[in-house]
Amino acid sequence: MSIFETDDHGALMEIGLTWGDMFQLEMSPAVTAEDGLRLGPEAMGRRQA
C-alpha cells in the first residue's frame, strides 16, 4: 500500500493511466467534479500510446 499527497492530482491520474494495465491500482483522489473533468483530458493528452 502506498499513500500519496499532492497538489497536482493530474500526476496521480497519469500514474494510473500509465501503469494501470500492469499493476492493480486504486486511486481515490479528493477533487471536485469540475477539477476531475478538467484533469482527466489533460492527463490523457500527455499519455504516450
PDB file of N, CA and C in Angstrom:
ATOM      1  N   MET A   1       0.840  -1.144   0.000  1.00  0.00           N
ATOM      2  CA  MET A   1       0.000   0.000   0.000  1.00  0.00           C
ATOM      3  C   MET A   1       0.900   1.226   0.000  1.00  0.00           C
ATOM      4  N   SER A   2       0.533   2.196  -0.792  1.00  0.00           N
ATOM      5  CA  SER A   2       1.227   3.479  -0.833  1.00  0.00           C
ATOM      6  C   SER A   2       0.199   4.585  -0.714  1.00  0.00           C
ATOM      7  N   ILE A   3       0.567   5.619  -0.024  1.00  0.00           N
ATOM      8  CA  ILE A   3      -0.305   6.777   0.127  1.00  0.00           C
ATOM      9  C   ILE A   3       0.474   7.984  -0.373  1.00  0.00           C
ATOM     10  N   PHE A   4      -0.163   8.748  -1.251  1.00  0.00           N
ATOM     11  CA  PHE A   4       0.464   9.930  -1.817  1.00  0.00           C
ATOM     12  C   PHE A   4      -0.370  11.155  -1.486  1.00  0.00           C
ATOM     13  N   GLU A   5       0.310  12.258  -1.288  1.00  0.00           N
ATOM     14  CA  GLU A   5      -0.362  13.541  -1.141  1.00  0.00           C
ATOM     15  C   GLU A   5       0.273  14.486  -2.150  1.00  0.00           C
ATOM     16  N   THR A   6      -0.546  15.210  -2.872  1.00  0.00           N
ATOM     17  CA  THR A   6      -0.016  16.097  -3.894  1.00  0.00           C
ATOM     18  C   THR A   6      -0.963  17.264  -4.133  1.00  0.00           C
ATOM     19  N   ASP A   7      -0.413  18.327  -4.637  1.00  0.00           N
ATOM     20  CA  ASP A   7      -1.233  19.452  -5.085  1.00  0.00           C
ATOM     21  C   ASP A   7      -1.565  19.308  -6.560  1.00  0.00           C
ATOM     22  N   ASP A   8      -0.900  18.371  -7.239  1.00  0.00           N
ATOM     23  CA  ASP A   8      -1.105  18.132  -8.671  1.00  0.00           C
ATOM     24  C   ASP A   8      -1.768  16.773  -8.853  1.00  0.00           C
ATOM     25  N   HIS A   9      -3.100  16.749  -8.818  1.00  0.00           N
ATOM     26  CA  HIS A   9      -3.830  15.484  -8.921  1.00  0.00           C
ATOM     27  C   HIS A   9      -3.686  14.868 -10.308  1.00  0.00           C
ATOM     28  N   GLY A  10      -3.351  15.670 -11.302  1.00  0.00           N
ATOM     29  CA  GLY A  10      -3.139  15.154 -12.649  1.00  0.00           C
ATOM     30  C   GLY A  10      -1.987  14.158 -12.690  1.00  0.00           C
ATOM     31  N   ALA A  11      -0.981  14.367 -11.860  1.00  0.00           N
ATOM     32  CA  ALA A  11       0.158  13.448 -11.815  1.00  0.00           C
ATOM     33  C   ALA A  11      -0.274  12.060 -11.359  1.00  0.00           C
ATOM     34  N   LEU A  12      -1.154  12.002 -10.365  1.00  0.00           N
ATOM     35  CA  LEU A  12      -1.650  10.698  -9.907  1.00  0.00           C
ATOM     36  C   LEU A  12      -2.506  10.031 -10.980  1.00  0.00           C
ATOM     37  N   MET A  13      -3.285  10.819 -11.701  1.00  0.00           N
ATOM     38  CA  MET A  13      -4.096  10.259 -12.780  1.00  0.00           C
ATOM     39  C   MET A  13      -3.190   9.666 -13.862  1.00  0.00           C
ATOM     40  N   GLU A  14      -2.086  10.344 -14.146  1.00  0.00           N
ATOM     41  CA  GLU A  14      -1.149   9.836 -15.151  1.00  0.00           C
ATOM     42  C   GLU A  14      -0.521   8.523 -14.714  1.00  0.00           C
ATOM     43  N   ILE A  15      -0.208   8.383 -13.430  1.00  0.00           N
ATOM     44  CA  ILE A  15       0.341   7.117 -12.928  1.00  0.00           C
ATOM     45  C   ILE A  15      -0.663   5.994 -13.176  1.00  0.00           C
ATOM     46  N   GLY A  16      -1.916   6.254 -12.853  1.00  0.00           N
ATOM     47  CA  GLY A  16      -2.952   5.241 -13.069  1.00  0.00           C
ATOM     48  C   GLY A  16      -3.122   4.896 -14.536  1.00  0.00           C
ATOM     49  N   LEU A  17      -3.104   5.903 -15.404  1.00  0.00           N
ATOM     50  CA  LEU A  17      -3.271   5.652 -16.835  1.00  0.00           C
ATOM     51  C   LEU A  17      -2.066   4.929 -17.428  1.00  0.00           C
ATOM     52  N   THR A  18      -0.887   5.238 -16.924  1.00  0.00           N
ATOM     53  CA  THR A  18       0.334   4.639 -17.463  1.00  0.00           C
ATOM     54  C   THR A  18       0.546   3.213 -16.966  1.00  0.00           C
ATOM     55  N   TRP A  19       0.338   2.975 -15.689  1.00  0.00           N
ATOM     56  CA  TRP A  19       0.674   1.678 -15.087  1.00  0.00           C
ATOM     57  C   TRP A  19      -0.523   0.816 -14.746  1.00  0.00           C
ATOM     58  N   GLY A  20      -1.728   1.327 -14.934  1.00  0.00           N
ATOM     59  CA  GLY A  20      -2.925   0.603 -14.534  1.00  0.00           C
ATOM     60  C   GLY A  20      -3.135  -0.730 -15.223  1.00  0.00           C
ATOM     61  N   ASP A  21      -2.573  -0.897 -16.433  1.00  0.00           N
ATOM     62  CA  ASP A  21      -2.736  -2.173 -17.129  1.00  0.00           C
ATOM     63  C   ASP A  21      -1.717  -3.217 -16.666  1.00  0.00           C
ATOM     64  N   MET A  22      -0.690  -2.807 -15.901  1.00  0.00           N
ATOM     65  CA  MET A  22       0.338  -3.738 -15.432  1.00  0.00           C
ATOM     66  C   MET A  22       0.229  -4.037 -13.936  1.00  0.00           C
ATOM     67  N   PHE A  23      -0.358  -3.121 -13.188  1.00  0.00           N
ATOM     68  CA  PHE A  23      -0.457  -3.258 -11.741  1.00  0.00           C
ATOM     69  C   PHE A  23      -1.886  -3.000 -11.311  1.00  0.00           C
ATOM     70  N   GLN A  24      -2.254  -3.572 -10.188  1.00  0.00           N
ATOM     71  CA  GLN A  24      -3.573  -3.311  -9.617  1.00  0.00           C
ATOM     72  C   GLN A  24      -3.465  -2.013  -8.826  1.00  0.00           C
ATOM     73  N   LEU A  25      -4.093  -0.978  -9.339  1.00  0.00           N
ATOM     74  CA  LEU A  25      -4.041   0.332  -8.704  1.00  0.00           C
ATOM     75  C   LEU A  25      -5.445   0.802  -8.364  1.00  0.00           C
ATOM     76  N   GLU A  26      -5.571   1.378  -7.211  1.00  0.00           N
ATOM     77  CA  GLU A  26      -6.822   2.024  -6.828  1.00  0.00           C
ATOM     78  C   GLU A  26      -6.473   3.417  -6.341  1.00  0.00           C
ATOM     79  N   MET A  27      -7.112   4.397  -6.919  1.00  0.00           N
ATOM     80  CA  MET A  27      -6.870   5.773  -6.512  1.00  0.00           C
ATOM     81  C   MET A  27      -8.196   6.426  -6.198  1.00  0.00           C
ATOM     82  N   SER A  28      -8.190   7.168  -5.141  1.00  0.00           N
ATOM     83  CA  SER A  28      -9.388   7.896  -4.732  1.00  0.00           C
ATOM     84  C   SER A  28      -9.012   9.353  -4.492  1.00  0.00           C
ATOM     85  N   PRO A  29      -8.817  10.101  -5.572  1.00  0.00           N
ATOM     86  CA  PRO A  29      -8.427  11.498  -5.377  1.00  0.00           C
ATOM     87  C   PRO A  29      -9.594  12.319  -4.834  1.00  0.00           C
ATOM     88  N   ALA A  30      -9.270  13.243  -3.976  1.00  0.00           N
ATOM     89  CA  ALA A  30     -10.288  14.133  -3.414  1.00  0.00           C
ATOM     90  C   ALA A  30     -10.268  15.432  -4.219  1.00  0.00           C
ATOM     91  N   VAL A  31     -10.998  15.432  -5.321  1.00  0.00           N
ATOM     92  CA  VAL A  31     -11.084  16.615  -6.179  1.00  0.00           C
ATOM     93  C   VAL A  31     -12.554  16.915  -6.448  1.00  0.00           C
ATOM     94  N   THR A  32     -12.814  18.130  -6.838  1.00  0.00           N
ATOM     95  CA  THR A  32     -14.185  18.488  -7.200  1.00  0.00           C
ATOM     96  C   THR A  32     -14.508  17.886  -8.566  1.00  0.00           C
ATOM     97  N   ALA A  33     -15.776  17.806  -8.874  1.00  0.00           N
ATOM     98  CA  ALA A  33     -16.186  17.288 -10.187  1.00  0.00           C
ATOM     99  C   ALA A  33     -15.598  18.138 -11.297  1.00  0.00           C
ATOM    100  N   GLU A  34     -15.592  19.451 -11.118  1.00  0.00           N
ATOM    101  CA  GLU A  34     -15.037  20.343 -12.140  1.00  0.00           C
ATOM    102  C   GLU A  34     -13.555  20.064 -12.372  1.00  0.00           C
ATOM    103  N   ASP A  35     -12.793  19.889 -11.284  1.00  0.00           N
ATOM    104  CA  ASP A  35     -11.366  19.592 -11.417  1.00  0.00           C
ATOM    105  C   ASP A  35     -11.145  18.243 -12.080  1.00  0.00           C
ATOM    106  N   GLY A  36     -11.932  17.245 -11.709  1.00  0.00           N
ATOM    107  CA  GLY A  36     -11.797  15.922 -12.320  1.00  0.00           C
ATOM    108  C   GLY A  36     -12.060  15.954 -13.813  1.00  0.00           C
ATOM    109  N   LEU A  37     -13.079  16.685 -14.219  1.00  0.00           N
ATOM    110  CA  LEU A  37     -13.388  16.782 -15.648  1.00  0.00           C
ATOM    111  C   LEU A  37     -12.304  17.539 -16.410  1.00  0.00           C
ATOM    112  N   ARG A  38     -11.618  18.444 -15.741  1.00  0.00           N
ATOM    113  CA  ARG A  38     -10.532  19.189 -16.380  1.00  0.00           C
ATOM    114  C   ARG A  38      -9.244  18.363 -16.402  1.00  0.00           C
ATOM    115  N   LEU A  39      -8.937  17.675 -15.307  1.00  0.00           N
ATOM    116  CA  LEU A  39      -7.679  16.935 -15.191  1.00  0.00           C
ATOM    117  C   LEU A  39      -7.645  15.681 -16.057  1.00  0.00           C
ATOM    118  N   GLY A  40      -8.771  15.006 -16.196  1.00  0.00           N
ATOM    119  CA  GLY A  40      -8.810  13.764 -16.982  1.00  0.00           C
ATOM    120  C   GLY A  40      -8.330  13.952 -18.413  1.00  0.00           C
ATOM    121  N   PRO A  41      -8.924  14.866 -19.175  1.00  0.00           N
ATOM    122  CA  PRO A  41      -8.469  15.073 -20.552  1.00  0.00           C
ATOM    123  C   PRO A  41      -7.024  15.573 -20.639  1.00  0.00           C
ATOM    124  N   GLU A  42      -6.603  16.398 -19.665  1.00  0.00           N
ATOM    125  CA  GLU A  42      -5.220  16.873 -19.673  1.00  0.00           C
ATOM    126  C   GLU A  42      -4.249  15.707 -19.523  1.00  0.00           C
ATOM    127  N   ALA A  43      -4.529  14.787 -18.600  1.00  0.00           N
ATOM    128  CA  ALA A  43      -3.664  13.625 -18.384  1.00  0.00           C
ATOM    129  C   ALA A  43      -3.678  12.708 -19.591  1.00  0.00           C
ATOM    130  N   MET A  44      -4.845  12.500 -20.194  1.00  0.00           N
ATOM    131  CA  MET A  44      -4.945  11.652 -21.390  1.00  0.00           C
ATOM    132  C   MET A  44      -4.158  12.251 -22.552  1.00  0.00           C
ATOM    133  N   GLY A  45      -4.141  13.578 -22.650  1.00  0.00           N
ATOM    134  CA  GLY A  45      -3.418  14.249 -23.723  1.00  0.00           C
ATOM    135  C   GLY A  45      -1.914  14.081 -23.597  1.00  0.00           C
ATOM    136  N   ARG A  46      -1.398  13.918 -22.371  1.00  0.00           N
ATOM    137  CA  ARG A  46       0.043  13.743 -22.160  1.00  0.00           C
ATOM    138  C   ARG A  46       0.465  12.279 -22.225  1.00  0.00           C
ATOM    139  N   ARG A  47      -0.481  11.367 -22.229  1.00  0.00           N
ATOM    140  CA  ARG A  47      -0.173   9.933 -22.232  1.00  0.00           C
ATOM    141  C   ARG A  47       0.378   9.511 -23.589  1.00  0.00           C
ATOM    142  N   GLN A  48       1.454   8.745 -23.552  1.00  0.00           N
ATOM    143  CA  GLN A  48       2.040   8.236 -24.788  1.00  0.00           C
ATOM    144  C   GLN A  48       1.419   6.896 -25.117  1.00  0.00           C
ATOM    145  N   ALA A  49       1.086   6.705 -26.363  1.00  0.00           N
ATOM    146  CA  ALA A  49       0.439   5.460 -26.793  1.00  0.00           C
ATOM    147  C   ALA A  49       1.420   4.326 -26.909  1.00  0.00           C
TER     148      ALA A  49
END
